N, C-alpha and C. Protein backbone atom coordinates (compact mmCIF):
# COMPACT_ATOMS: atom_id res chain seq x y z
N MET A 1 0.84 -1.20 0.00
CA MET A 1 0.00 0.00 0.00
C MET A 1 0.88 1.24 0.00
N THR A 2 0.63 2.12 -0.95
CA THR A 2 1.45 3.32 -1.08
C THR A 2 1.01 4.38 -0.08
N ALA A 3 1.98 4.98 0.59
CA ALA A 3 1.67 6.02 1.57
C ALA A 3 1.19 7.28 0.86
N ASP A 4 0.32 7.98 1.51
CA ASP A 4 -0.18 9.24 0.97
C ASP A 4 0.95 10.25 0.96
N PRO A 5 1.34 10.75 -0.23
CA PRO A 5 2.49 11.66 -0.31
C PRO A 5 2.19 13.02 0.29
N SER A 6 0.94 13.35 0.48
CA SER A 6 0.60 14.67 1.03
C SER A 6 -0.43 14.50 2.13
N PRO A 7 0.00 14.01 3.31
CA PRO A 7 -0.93 13.77 4.40
C PRO A 7 -1.60 15.06 4.84
N SER A 8 -2.86 14.94 5.24
CA SER A 8 -3.60 16.12 5.66
C SER A 8 -3.07 16.63 6.99
N ARG A 9 -3.18 17.93 7.19
CA ARG A 9 -2.72 18.52 8.44
C ARG A 9 -3.68 18.13 9.56
N PRO A 10 -3.15 17.98 10.78
CA PRO A 10 -4.03 17.65 11.89
C PRO A 10 -5.03 18.77 12.13
N LYS A 11 -6.24 18.38 12.50
CA LYS A 11 -7.27 19.38 12.74
C LYS A 11 -6.93 20.18 13.99
N LEU A 12 -7.25 21.46 13.95
CA LEU A 12 -7.02 22.32 15.10
C LEU A 12 -8.06 22.03 16.17
N THR A 13 -7.66 22.12 17.41
CA THR A 13 -8.60 21.95 18.52
C THR A 13 -9.49 23.19 18.61
N ARG A 14 -10.54 23.07 19.39
CA ARG A 14 -11.42 24.22 19.59
C ARG A 14 -10.65 25.38 20.22
N ALA A 15 -9.81 25.05 21.18
CA ALA A 15 -9.02 26.10 21.82
C ALA A 15 -8.12 26.81 20.82
N SER A 16 -7.54 26.04 19.89
CA SER A 16 -6.66 26.64 18.87
C SER A 16 -7.45 27.56 17.95
N ASN A 17 -8.61 27.10 17.50
CA ASN A 17 -9.44 27.92 16.61
C ASN A 17 -9.88 29.21 17.30
N VAL A 18 -10.31 29.09 18.55
CA VAL A 18 -10.75 30.27 19.29
C VAL A 18 -9.58 31.22 19.53
N SER A 19 -8.43 30.66 19.88
CA SER A 19 -7.24 31.48 20.11
C SER A 19 -6.85 32.27 18.87
N LEU A 20 -6.87 31.62 17.71
CA LEU A 20 -6.52 32.29 16.46
C LEU A 20 -7.52 33.40 16.13
N ALA A 21 -8.80 33.13 16.35
CA ALA A 21 -9.83 34.13 16.05
C ALA A 21 -9.70 35.34 16.98
N LEU A 22 -9.51 35.07 18.27
CA LEU A 22 -9.35 36.16 19.22
C LEU A 22 -8.07 36.95 18.96
N LYS A 23 -7.02 36.24 18.61
CA LYS A 23 -5.75 36.91 18.30
C LYS A 23 -5.92 37.89 17.16
N GLN A 24 -6.61 37.47 16.10
CA GLN A 24 -6.82 38.35 14.97
C GLN A 24 -7.65 39.56 15.36
N SER A 25 -8.66 39.36 16.20
CA SER A 25 -9.49 40.48 16.66
C SER A 25 -8.68 41.47 17.48
N ILE A 26 -7.75 40.96 18.28
CA ILE A 26 -6.89 41.85 19.07
C ILE A 26 -5.92 42.59 18.17
N LEU A 27 -5.29 41.88 17.24
CA LEU A 27 -4.33 42.51 16.34
C LEU A 27 -4.99 43.57 15.47
N ASP A 28 -6.23 43.33 15.08
CA ASP A 28 -6.94 44.29 14.24
C ASP A 28 -7.51 45.45 15.04
N GLY A 29 -7.49 45.35 16.37
CA GLY A 29 -8.05 46.40 17.20
C GLY A 29 -9.53 46.28 17.44
N ALA A 30 -10.15 45.19 16.97
CA ALA A 30 -11.59 45.00 17.19
C ALA A 30 -11.88 44.81 18.67
N LEU A 31 -10.97 44.15 19.38
CA LEU A 31 -11.04 44.07 20.84
C LEU A 31 -10.13 45.16 21.38
N GLU A 32 -10.70 46.15 22.01
CA GLU A 32 -9.96 47.37 22.35
C GLU A 32 -8.92 47.14 23.44
N PRO A 33 -7.78 47.82 23.32
CA PRO A 33 -6.75 47.73 24.35
C PRO A 33 -7.30 48.10 25.72
N GLY A 34 -6.97 47.30 26.71
CA GLY A 34 -7.40 47.57 28.07
C GLY A 34 -8.79 47.06 28.42
N ALA A 35 -9.54 46.59 27.43
CA ALA A 35 -10.91 46.13 27.68
C ALA A 35 -10.89 44.85 28.53
N ARG A 36 -11.88 44.74 29.40
CA ARG A 36 -12.00 43.55 30.24
C ARG A 36 -12.41 42.35 29.38
N VAL A 37 -11.84 41.20 29.68
CA VAL A 37 -12.16 39.97 28.97
C VAL A 37 -13.25 39.23 29.75
N ASN A 38 -14.41 39.14 29.16
CA ASN A 38 -15.53 38.43 29.78
C ASN A 38 -15.56 37.01 29.22
N LEU A 39 -15.01 36.08 29.99
CA LEU A 39 -14.90 34.70 29.50
C LEU A 39 -16.24 34.08 29.17
N ASP A 40 -17.23 34.35 30.00
CA ASP A 40 -18.55 33.74 29.77
C ASP A 40 -19.18 34.27 28.49
N ALA A 41 -19.07 35.59 28.28
CA ALA A 41 -19.63 36.18 27.07
C ALA A 41 -18.91 35.67 25.83
N LEU A 42 -17.59 35.55 25.92
CA LEU A 42 -16.81 35.09 24.77
C LEU A 42 -17.09 33.63 24.44
N ARG A 43 -17.22 32.79 25.46
CA ARG A 43 -17.48 31.38 25.17
C ARG A 43 -18.83 31.20 24.49
N LYS A 44 -19.80 32.04 24.87
CA LYS A 44 -21.11 31.97 24.22
C LYS A 44 -21.01 32.48 22.78
N GLU A 45 -20.24 33.54 22.59
CA GLU A 45 -20.08 34.09 21.23
C GLU A 45 -19.43 33.09 20.29
N TYR A 46 -18.45 32.34 20.80
CA TYR A 46 -17.72 31.40 19.96
C TYR A 46 -18.27 29.98 20.04
N GLY A 47 -19.28 29.78 20.87
CA GLY A 47 -19.93 28.48 20.94
C GLY A 47 -19.07 27.37 21.51
N VAL A 48 -18.29 27.69 22.54
CA VAL A 48 -17.44 26.68 23.17
C VAL A 48 -17.68 26.69 24.68
N SER A 49 -17.20 25.65 25.34
CA SER A 49 -17.32 25.59 26.79
C SER A 49 -16.24 26.46 27.43
N LEU A 50 -16.28 26.56 28.73
CA LEU A 50 -15.34 27.44 29.43
C LEU A 50 -13.90 26.92 29.36
N SER A 51 -13.74 25.60 29.32
CA SER A 51 -12.39 25.03 29.33
C SER A 51 -11.56 25.44 28.11
N PRO A 52 -12.04 25.24 26.86
CA PRO A 52 -11.24 25.69 25.72
C PRO A 52 -11.08 27.20 25.66
N MET A 53 -12.07 27.95 26.19
CA MET A 53 -11.93 29.40 26.20
C MET A 53 -10.80 29.82 27.14
N ARG A 54 -10.71 29.18 28.30
CA ARG A 54 -9.62 29.49 29.23
C ARG A 54 -8.27 29.15 28.61
N GLU A 55 -8.22 28.02 27.92
CA GLU A 55 -6.97 27.62 27.27
C GLU A 55 -6.58 28.62 26.19
N ALA A 56 -7.56 29.09 25.43
CA ALA A 56 -7.29 30.07 24.38
C ALA A 56 -6.75 31.36 24.97
N ILE A 57 -7.36 31.82 26.06
CA ILE A 57 -6.92 33.05 26.70
C ILE A 57 -5.51 32.89 27.26
N SER A 58 -5.22 31.72 27.81
CA SER A 58 -3.87 31.46 28.35
C SER A 58 -2.82 31.57 27.25
N ARG A 59 -3.15 31.11 26.06
CA ARG A 59 -2.21 31.21 24.94
C ARG A 59 -1.99 32.67 24.56
N LEU A 60 -3.03 33.47 24.64
CA LEU A 60 -2.91 34.89 24.29
C LEU A 60 -2.12 35.65 25.35
N VAL A 61 -2.18 35.18 26.59
CA VAL A 61 -1.32 35.76 27.63
C VAL A 61 0.14 35.51 27.28
N ALA A 62 0.44 34.29 26.81
CA ALA A 62 1.80 33.94 26.41
C ALA A 62 2.26 34.76 25.21
N ASP A 63 1.32 35.21 24.40
CA ASP A 63 1.63 36.04 23.22
C ASP A 63 1.69 37.52 23.56
N TRP A 64 1.49 37.86 24.85
CA TRP A 64 1.50 39.26 25.31
C TRP A 64 0.34 40.08 24.76
N LEU A 65 -0.72 39.41 24.38
CA LEU A 65 -1.90 40.10 23.84
C LEU A 65 -3.01 40.23 24.88
N VAL A 66 -2.93 39.45 25.93
CA VAL A 66 -3.87 39.53 27.06
C VAL A 66 -3.05 39.55 28.34
N VAL A 67 -3.51 40.31 29.32
CA VAL A 67 -2.81 40.38 30.60
C VAL A 67 -3.75 39.93 31.71
N PHE A 68 -3.18 39.38 32.77
CA PHE A 68 -3.97 38.97 33.93
C PHE A 68 -3.55 39.78 35.14
N GLU A 69 -4.53 40.29 35.87
CA GLU A 69 -4.26 41.06 37.08
C GLU A 69 -5.05 40.45 38.24
N ASP A 70 -4.39 40.26 39.36
CA ASP A 70 -5.06 39.73 40.54
C ASP A 70 -6.27 40.59 40.90
N GLN A 71 -7.36 39.94 41.19
CA GLN A 71 -8.61 40.56 41.62
C GLN A 71 -9.31 41.35 40.51
N ARG A 72 -8.67 41.44 39.35
CA ARG A 72 -9.30 42.15 38.23
C ARG A 72 -9.54 41.24 37.04
N GLY A 73 -8.83 40.13 36.99
CA GLY A 73 -9.03 39.19 35.91
C GLY A 73 -8.25 39.53 34.65
N TYR A 74 -8.76 39.06 33.52
CA TYR A 74 -8.08 39.23 32.23
C TYR A 74 -8.52 40.52 31.54
N ARG A 75 -7.54 41.15 30.88
CA ARG A 75 -7.82 42.32 30.05
C ARG A 75 -7.03 42.20 28.75
N ILE A 76 -7.58 42.83 27.71
CA ILE A 76 -6.81 42.96 26.47
C ILE A 76 -5.60 43.83 26.78
N ALA A 77 -4.44 43.41 26.33
CA ALA A 77 -3.21 44.14 26.65
C ALA A 77 -3.34 45.61 26.26
N PRO A 78 -3.05 46.53 27.18
CA PRO A 78 -3.13 47.95 26.85
C PRO A 78 -1.97 48.36 25.94
N ILE A 79 -2.06 49.54 25.38
CA ILE A 79 -0.96 50.09 24.60
C ILE A 79 -0.47 51.36 25.28
N SER A 80 0.80 51.66 25.09
CA SER A 80 1.39 52.85 25.69
C SER A 80 2.70 53.15 24.99
N GLN A 81 3.19 54.37 25.18
CA GLN A 81 4.48 54.73 24.63
C GLN A 81 5.59 53.85 25.21
N GLU A 82 5.47 53.57 26.51
CA GLU A 82 6.49 52.76 27.18
C GLU A 82 6.52 51.33 26.62
N ASN A 83 5.34 50.76 26.43
CA ASN A 83 5.27 49.41 25.88
C ASN A 83 5.77 49.38 24.44
N LEU A 84 5.40 50.38 23.66
CA LEU A 84 5.85 50.45 22.27
C LEU A 84 7.37 50.53 22.21
N ALA A 85 7.97 51.34 23.09
CA ALA A 85 9.42 51.46 23.10
C ALA A 85 10.08 50.13 23.45
N GLU A 86 9.48 49.40 24.39
CA GLU A 86 10.03 48.10 24.78
C GLU A 86 9.91 47.10 23.63
N VAL A 87 8.75 47.07 22.99
CA VAL A 87 8.55 46.18 21.85
C VAL A 87 9.56 46.48 20.75
N THR A 88 9.74 47.77 20.46
CA THR A 88 10.66 48.16 19.40
C THR A 88 12.08 47.73 19.71
N ARG A 89 12.52 48.00 20.93
CA ARG A 89 13.90 47.65 21.29
C ARG A 89 14.13 46.15 21.25
N LEU A 90 13.20 45.40 21.85
CA LEU A 90 13.35 43.94 21.85
C LEU A 90 13.31 43.38 20.44
N ARG A 91 12.37 43.88 19.63
CA ARG A 91 12.26 43.35 18.27
C ARG A 91 13.52 43.68 17.47
N ALA A 92 14.03 44.90 17.61
CA ALA A 92 15.23 45.28 16.87
C ALA A 92 16.43 44.43 17.29
N ASP A 93 16.62 44.28 18.60
CA ASP A 93 17.76 43.51 19.09
C ASP A 93 17.68 42.04 18.71
N LEU A 94 16.51 41.44 18.95
CA LEU A 94 16.39 39.99 18.74
C LEU A 94 16.31 39.63 17.26
N SER A 95 15.70 40.49 16.45
CA SER A 95 15.65 40.21 15.01
C SER A 95 17.04 40.30 14.40
N ALA A 96 17.82 41.29 14.84
CA ALA A 96 19.20 41.40 14.36
C ALA A 96 20.01 40.18 14.76
N LEU A 97 19.81 39.72 16.00
CA LEU A 97 20.51 38.52 16.47
C LEU A 97 20.12 37.30 15.65
N ALA A 98 18.82 37.14 15.43
CA ALA A 98 18.33 35.99 14.66
C ALA A 98 18.87 36.01 13.24
N LEU A 99 18.91 37.20 12.63
CA LEU A 99 19.42 37.29 11.26
C LEU A 99 20.90 36.95 11.21
N SER A 100 21.66 37.38 12.22
CA SER A 100 23.08 37.05 12.26
C SER A 100 23.29 35.54 12.26
N HIS A 101 22.50 34.84 13.07
CA HIS A 101 22.62 33.38 13.12
C HIS A 101 22.11 32.73 11.83
N ALA A 102 21.07 33.31 11.24
CA ALA A 102 20.56 32.76 9.98
C ALA A 102 21.60 32.87 8.88
N ILE A 103 22.30 33.99 8.83
CA ILE A 103 23.34 34.17 7.82
C ILE A 103 24.49 33.20 8.06
N ALA A 104 24.85 33.02 9.33
CA ALA A 104 25.95 32.11 9.66
C ALA A 104 25.66 30.68 9.22
N GLY A 105 24.39 30.29 9.29
CA GLY A 105 24.03 28.94 8.88
C GLY A 105 23.31 28.88 7.56
N ALA A 106 23.45 29.92 6.76
CA ALA A 106 22.68 30.03 5.52
C ALA A 106 23.01 28.91 4.54
N ASP A 107 21.96 28.45 3.85
CA ASP A 107 22.14 27.50 2.76
C ASP A 107 21.33 27.99 1.56
N LEU A 108 21.37 27.23 0.48
CA LEU A 108 20.68 27.66 -0.73
C LEU A 108 19.17 27.69 -0.55
N ASN A 109 18.64 26.82 0.28
CA ASN A 109 17.20 26.81 0.52
C ASN A 109 16.76 28.10 1.21
N TRP A 110 17.52 28.51 2.23
CA TRP A 110 17.22 29.77 2.92
C TRP A 110 17.32 30.94 1.94
N GLU A 111 18.39 30.97 1.16
CA GLU A 111 18.59 32.06 0.22
C GLU A 111 17.46 32.12 -0.81
N SER A 112 17.04 30.97 -1.33
CA SER A 112 15.98 30.97 -2.34
C SER A 112 14.66 31.43 -1.74
N ASN A 113 14.39 31.08 -0.48
CA ASN A 113 13.16 31.54 0.17
C ASN A 113 13.17 33.04 0.37
N VAL A 114 14.31 33.57 0.79
CA VAL A 114 14.43 35.03 0.98
C VAL A 114 14.23 35.74 -0.35
N MET A 115 14.89 35.26 -1.40
CA MET A 115 14.78 35.92 -2.70
C MET A 115 13.37 35.81 -3.27
N ALA A 116 12.70 34.68 -3.03
CA ALA A 116 11.33 34.52 -3.51
C ALA A 116 10.40 35.51 -2.82
N ASP A 117 10.57 35.68 -1.51
CA ASP A 117 9.71 36.62 -0.79
C ASP A 117 10.08 38.07 -1.11
N LEU A 118 11.34 38.32 -1.39
CA LEU A 118 11.73 39.66 -1.84
C LEU A 118 11.08 39.97 -3.18
N HIS A 119 11.04 38.99 -4.07
CA HIS A 119 10.40 39.18 -5.37
C HIS A 119 8.91 39.47 -5.19
N ARG A 120 8.26 38.76 -4.29
CA ARG A 120 6.84 39.02 -4.02
C ARG A 120 6.63 40.44 -3.51
N LEU A 121 7.53 40.89 -2.65
CA LEU A 121 7.40 42.25 -2.11
C LEU A 121 7.55 43.30 -3.20
N THR A 122 8.52 43.12 -4.08
CA THR A 122 8.75 44.12 -5.12
C THR A 122 7.61 44.19 -6.12
N ARG A 123 6.83 43.12 -6.23
CA ARG A 123 5.73 43.08 -7.19
C ARG A 123 4.36 43.21 -6.52
N ALA A 124 4.34 43.37 -5.20
CA ALA A 124 3.08 43.40 -4.47
C ALA A 124 2.31 44.69 -4.71
N GLU A 125 1.00 44.56 -4.84
CA GLU A 125 0.14 45.73 -4.87
C GLU A 125 0.13 46.36 -3.48
N PRO A 126 -0.18 47.67 -3.39
CA PRO A 126 -0.17 48.34 -2.09
C PRO A 126 -0.98 47.61 -1.03
N ALA A 127 -2.13 47.05 -1.42
CA ALA A 127 -2.99 46.36 -0.45
C ALA A 127 -2.36 45.08 0.07
N ASP A 128 -1.41 44.52 -0.69
CA ASP A 128 -0.78 43.26 -0.30
C ASP A 128 0.62 43.45 0.27
N ALA A 129 1.08 44.70 0.32
CA ALA A 129 2.47 44.96 0.73
C ALA A 129 2.74 44.54 2.16
N SER A 130 1.78 44.75 3.05
CA SER A 130 1.98 44.40 4.45
C SER A 130 2.22 42.90 4.62
N THR A 131 1.40 42.09 3.95
CA THR A 131 1.58 40.64 4.01
C THR A 131 2.92 40.23 3.43
N ALA A 132 3.31 40.88 2.34
CA ALA A 132 4.59 40.56 1.70
C ALA A 132 5.76 40.91 2.60
N ARG A 133 5.67 42.04 3.30
CA ARG A 133 6.74 42.42 4.23
C ARG A 133 6.84 41.41 5.38
N ASN A 134 5.69 41.01 5.89
CA ASN A 134 5.68 40.04 6.99
C ASN A 134 6.36 38.74 6.57
N ARG A 135 6.05 38.29 5.36
CA ARG A 135 6.63 37.04 4.87
C ARG A 135 8.14 37.16 4.72
N LEU A 136 8.60 38.29 4.19
CA LEU A 136 10.03 38.47 3.98
C LEU A 136 10.77 38.54 5.32
N GLN A 137 10.20 39.25 6.27
CA GLN A 137 10.85 39.34 7.58
C GLN A 137 10.94 37.97 8.24
N ALA A 138 9.89 37.16 8.09
CA ALA A 138 9.91 35.81 8.64
C ALA A 138 10.96 34.95 7.94
N ALA A 139 11.06 35.10 6.62
CA ALA A 139 12.04 34.32 5.86
C ALA A 139 13.46 34.69 6.24
N LEU A 140 13.70 35.95 6.55
CA LEU A 140 15.05 36.40 6.89
C LEU A 140 15.57 35.72 8.16
N VAL A 141 14.72 35.59 9.16
CA VAL A 141 15.18 35.01 10.43
C VAL A 141 14.99 33.49 10.47
N ASP A 142 14.31 32.96 9.46
CA ASP A 142 14.14 31.51 9.40
C ASP A 142 15.52 30.87 9.22
N GLY A 143 15.74 29.78 9.90
CA GLY A 143 17.03 29.13 9.78
C GLY A 143 18.05 29.64 10.77
N CYS A 144 17.61 30.46 11.73
CA CYS A 144 18.54 30.94 12.75
C CYS A 144 18.96 29.81 13.68
N GLY A 145 18.21 28.70 13.64
CA GLY A 145 18.58 27.55 14.44
C GLY A 145 18.08 27.57 15.87
N MET A 146 17.28 28.58 16.21
CA MET A 146 16.75 28.70 17.57
C MET A 146 15.26 28.97 17.51
N ALA A 147 14.48 27.93 17.76
CA ALA A 147 13.03 28.04 17.61
C ALA A 147 12.42 29.07 18.55
N MET A 148 12.93 29.14 19.78
CA MET A 148 12.39 30.10 20.74
C MET A 148 12.66 31.53 20.29
N LEU A 149 13.85 31.78 19.77
CA LEU A 149 14.19 33.11 19.28
C LEU A 149 13.31 33.48 18.09
N GLN A 150 13.14 32.54 17.19
CA GLN A 150 12.32 32.79 16.00
C GLN A 150 10.87 33.07 16.39
N GLU A 151 10.35 32.31 17.35
CA GLU A 151 8.97 32.51 17.79
C GLU A 151 8.82 33.85 18.50
N THR A 152 9.82 34.23 19.29
CA THR A 152 9.76 35.52 19.98
C THR A 152 9.77 36.67 18.98
N CYS A 153 10.58 36.56 17.95
CA CYS A 153 10.61 37.59 16.90
C CYS A 153 9.24 37.72 16.24
N ALA A 154 8.59 36.59 16.00
CA ALA A 154 7.27 36.60 15.37
C ALA A 154 6.25 37.28 16.28
N ARG A 155 6.31 36.99 17.58
CA ARG A 155 5.37 37.61 18.51
C ARG A 155 5.58 39.11 18.60
N LEU A 156 6.83 39.53 18.64
CA LEU A 156 7.12 40.96 18.70
C LEU A 156 6.69 41.66 17.41
N GLY A 157 6.84 40.98 16.29
CA GLY A 157 6.35 41.53 15.03
C GLY A 157 4.85 41.72 15.06
N ASP A 158 4.13 40.75 15.64
CA ASP A 158 2.68 40.88 15.78
C ASP A 158 2.32 42.10 16.63
N LEU A 159 3.07 42.32 17.70
CA LEU A 159 2.78 43.46 18.57
C LEU A 159 3.00 44.78 17.84
N HIS A 160 4.07 44.86 17.05
CA HIS A 160 4.30 46.06 16.25
C HIS A 160 3.16 46.29 15.26
N ARG A 161 2.74 45.20 14.62
CA ARG A 161 1.66 45.33 13.63
C ARG A 161 0.34 45.68 14.31
N ARG A 162 0.15 45.26 15.54
CA ARG A 162 -1.05 45.65 16.29
C ARG A 162 -1.08 47.16 16.48
N TYR A 163 0.05 47.72 16.89
CA TYR A 163 0.11 49.18 17.04
C TYR A 163 -0.19 49.86 15.71
N ALA A 164 0.37 49.33 14.64
CA ALA A 164 0.18 49.95 13.33
C ALA A 164 -1.29 49.96 12.93
N ARG A 165 -2.00 48.87 13.19
CA ARG A 165 -3.41 48.80 12.81
C ARG A 165 -4.27 49.69 13.69
N ILE A 166 -3.99 49.71 14.98
CA ILE A 166 -4.76 50.55 15.89
C ILE A 166 -4.56 52.02 15.57
N LEU A 167 -3.33 52.38 15.20
CA LEU A 167 -3.01 53.78 14.88
C LEU A 167 -3.31 54.13 13.43
N ASP A 168 -3.83 53.16 12.67
CA ASP A 168 -4.13 53.36 11.25
C ASP A 168 -2.89 53.85 10.51
N ASP A 169 -1.80 53.16 10.76
CA ASP A 169 -0.51 53.53 10.18
C ASP A 169 -0.47 53.17 8.70
N HIS A 170 0.15 54.05 7.92
CA HIS A 170 0.34 53.80 6.48
C HIS A 170 1.83 53.91 6.18
N PRO A 171 2.54 52.79 6.15
CA PRO A 171 3.98 52.83 5.94
C PRO A 171 4.35 53.50 4.62
N PRO A 172 5.41 54.29 4.61
CA PRO A 172 5.86 54.92 3.36
C PRO A 172 6.49 53.89 2.44
N PRO A 173 6.54 54.19 1.13
CA PRO A 173 7.16 53.25 0.19
C PRO A 173 8.60 52.90 0.56
N ALA A 174 9.28 53.82 1.25
CA ALA A 174 10.67 53.58 1.62
C ALA A 174 10.83 52.36 2.52
N GLU A 175 9.75 51.99 3.22
CA GLU A 175 9.83 50.83 4.11
C GLU A 175 10.09 49.55 3.32
N ASN A 176 9.48 49.44 2.14
CA ASN A 176 9.74 48.28 1.29
C ASN A 176 11.19 48.29 0.80
N GLU A 177 11.67 49.47 0.45
CA GLU A 177 13.04 49.59 -0.05
C GLU A 177 14.06 49.23 1.04
N GLU A 178 13.77 49.66 2.28
CA GLU A 178 14.67 49.34 3.39
C GLU A 178 14.76 47.83 3.59
N LEU A 179 13.61 47.18 3.54
CA LEU A 179 13.59 45.73 3.76
C LEU A 179 14.26 45.00 2.60
N ALA A 180 14.13 45.54 1.40
CA ALA A 180 14.82 44.95 0.25
C ALA A 180 16.33 45.05 0.42
N ASP A 181 16.80 46.18 0.96
CA ASP A 181 18.23 46.34 1.23
C ASP A 181 18.72 45.30 2.24
N VAL A 182 17.88 45.05 3.25
CA VAL A 182 18.22 44.03 4.25
C VAL A 182 18.37 42.67 3.58
N ALA A 183 17.40 42.32 2.75
CA ALA A 183 17.40 41.02 2.09
C ALA A 183 18.62 40.86 1.18
N ASN A 184 18.93 41.90 0.42
CA ASN A 184 20.07 41.82 -0.49
C ASN A 184 21.39 41.67 0.27
N ALA A 185 21.50 42.39 1.38
CA ALA A 185 22.72 42.25 2.20
C ALA A 185 22.79 40.87 2.83
N ALA A 186 21.64 40.33 3.20
CA ALA A 186 21.61 39.02 3.84
C ALA A 186 22.04 37.92 2.88
N VAL A 187 21.50 37.92 1.67
CA VAL A 187 21.87 36.86 0.72
C VAL A 187 23.30 37.03 0.23
N ALA A 188 23.85 38.25 0.39
CA ALA A 188 25.27 38.46 0.09
C ALA A 188 26.15 38.00 1.24
N ARG A 189 25.50 37.46 2.29
CA ARG A 189 26.18 36.93 3.48
C ARG A 189 26.97 38.02 4.22
N ASP A 190 26.47 39.25 4.18
CA ASP A 190 27.11 40.34 4.92
C ASP A 190 26.57 40.32 6.34
N ALA A 191 27.28 39.65 7.23
CA ALA A 191 26.80 39.43 8.59
C ALA A 191 26.86 40.66 9.47
N GLU A 192 27.49 41.72 8.99
CA GLU A 192 27.51 42.98 9.75
C GLU A 192 26.45 43.94 9.22
N LEU A 193 26.40 44.11 7.91
CA LEU A 193 25.50 45.09 7.33
C LEU A 193 24.04 44.68 7.45
N ALA A 194 23.71 43.45 7.12
CA ALA A 194 22.31 43.02 7.09
C ALA A 194 21.63 43.17 8.46
N PRO A 195 22.21 42.67 9.56
CA PRO A 195 21.57 42.87 10.86
C PRO A 195 21.46 44.34 11.24
N ALA A 196 22.47 45.13 10.89
CA ALA A 196 22.43 46.56 11.20
C ALA A 196 21.30 47.25 10.45
N LEU A 197 21.12 46.89 9.19
CA LEU A 197 20.03 47.47 8.40
C LEU A 197 18.67 47.04 8.94
N LEU A 198 18.56 45.78 9.36
CA LEU A 198 17.29 45.30 9.91
C LEU A 198 16.97 46.01 11.22
N ARG A 199 17.98 46.19 12.06
CA ARG A 199 17.78 46.90 13.31
C ARG A 199 17.29 48.33 13.04
N ARG A 200 17.95 49.01 12.12
CA ARG A 200 17.56 50.39 11.81
C ARG A 200 16.16 50.45 11.22
N HIS A 201 15.82 49.49 10.39
CA HIS A 201 14.49 49.41 9.78
C HIS A 201 13.42 49.30 10.87
N ILE A 202 13.62 48.43 11.83
CA ILE A 202 12.64 48.23 12.90
C ILE A 202 12.57 49.45 13.80
N GLU A 203 13.71 50.05 14.09
CA GLU A 203 13.73 51.25 14.93
C GLU A 203 12.99 52.40 14.26
N ARG A 204 13.09 52.50 12.96
CA ARG A 204 12.36 53.56 12.24
C ARG A 204 10.85 53.32 12.31
N ILE A 205 10.44 52.07 12.22
CA ILE A 205 9.02 51.75 12.36
C ILE A 205 8.54 52.17 13.74
N GLY A 206 9.30 51.81 14.76
CA GLY A 206 8.93 52.18 16.12
C GLY A 206 8.85 53.68 16.32
N ALA A 207 9.80 54.41 15.76
CA ALA A 207 9.80 55.87 15.90
C ALA A 207 8.58 56.49 15.21
N ARG A 208 8.22 55.97 14.05
CA ARG A 208 7.05 56.50 13.34
C ARG A 208 5.77 56.23 14.13
N LEU A 209 5.65 55.03 14.67
CA LEU A 209 4.47 54.70 15.46
C LEU A 209 4.40 55.55 16.73
N SER A 210 5.56 55.79 17.32
CA SER A 210 5.61 56.62 18.53
C SER A 210 5.14 58.04 18.25
N ARG A 211 5.56 58.58 17.12
CA ARG A 211 5.12 59.93 16.74
C ARG A 211 3.61 59.96 16.55
N GLN A 212 3.07 58.92 15.95
CA GLN A 212 1.63 58.88 15.72
C GLN A 212 0.86 58.77 17.03
N MET A 213 1.41 58.04 18.00
CA MET A 213 0.75 57.94 19.30
C MET A 213 0.72 59.29 20.01
N ALA A 214 1.74 60.09 19.76
CA ALA A 214 1.87 61.37 20.46
C ALA A 214 0.96 62.45 19.90
N THR A 215 0.42 62.24 18.70
CA THR A 215 -0.42 63.28 18.08
C THR A 215 -1.87 63.14 18.52
């Protein structure tokens, strides 16, 4: 009997589905920063029991999208200048570190993935540019050899994008060009320039978002 060459992916649990849906609502700003999380209301809205809802919320706490306070319960993570500055610094530092390790262990598969996503970015319509940037940034740090570091970079990227959506941020065209410079330096195996460019790129995003928060 021949094995199925393309086995189906395992089905997501109810907690996973609810967690993904809630995460998207938080990232999009549909669930307002600082709002109280009503577990009973949410479980009814999503048609699940309390157990998977609690598990979903626990995952979002780990993603820094929900916070828990004694005697107050769960809240959607608030936003602030201080938090934005912390997210920016951590994302800049850790993404640069991850890219350094990715370049050190780079192979042709990593390079081809980076170049493919760079090509998508250069040809992306304005409405699709954000998704293309996200893919390229993920491809750049892929292969760093540290799953925890890679996952942390992804979570910090989500937090930055949450600020951007809440603030109705519209990145300038130069942001695509900056990321393209990072990718080109990375595939050239420039282990000093590429991480430095990525750090500066992220810091500029943070500075722009900070200015928007202040207005």
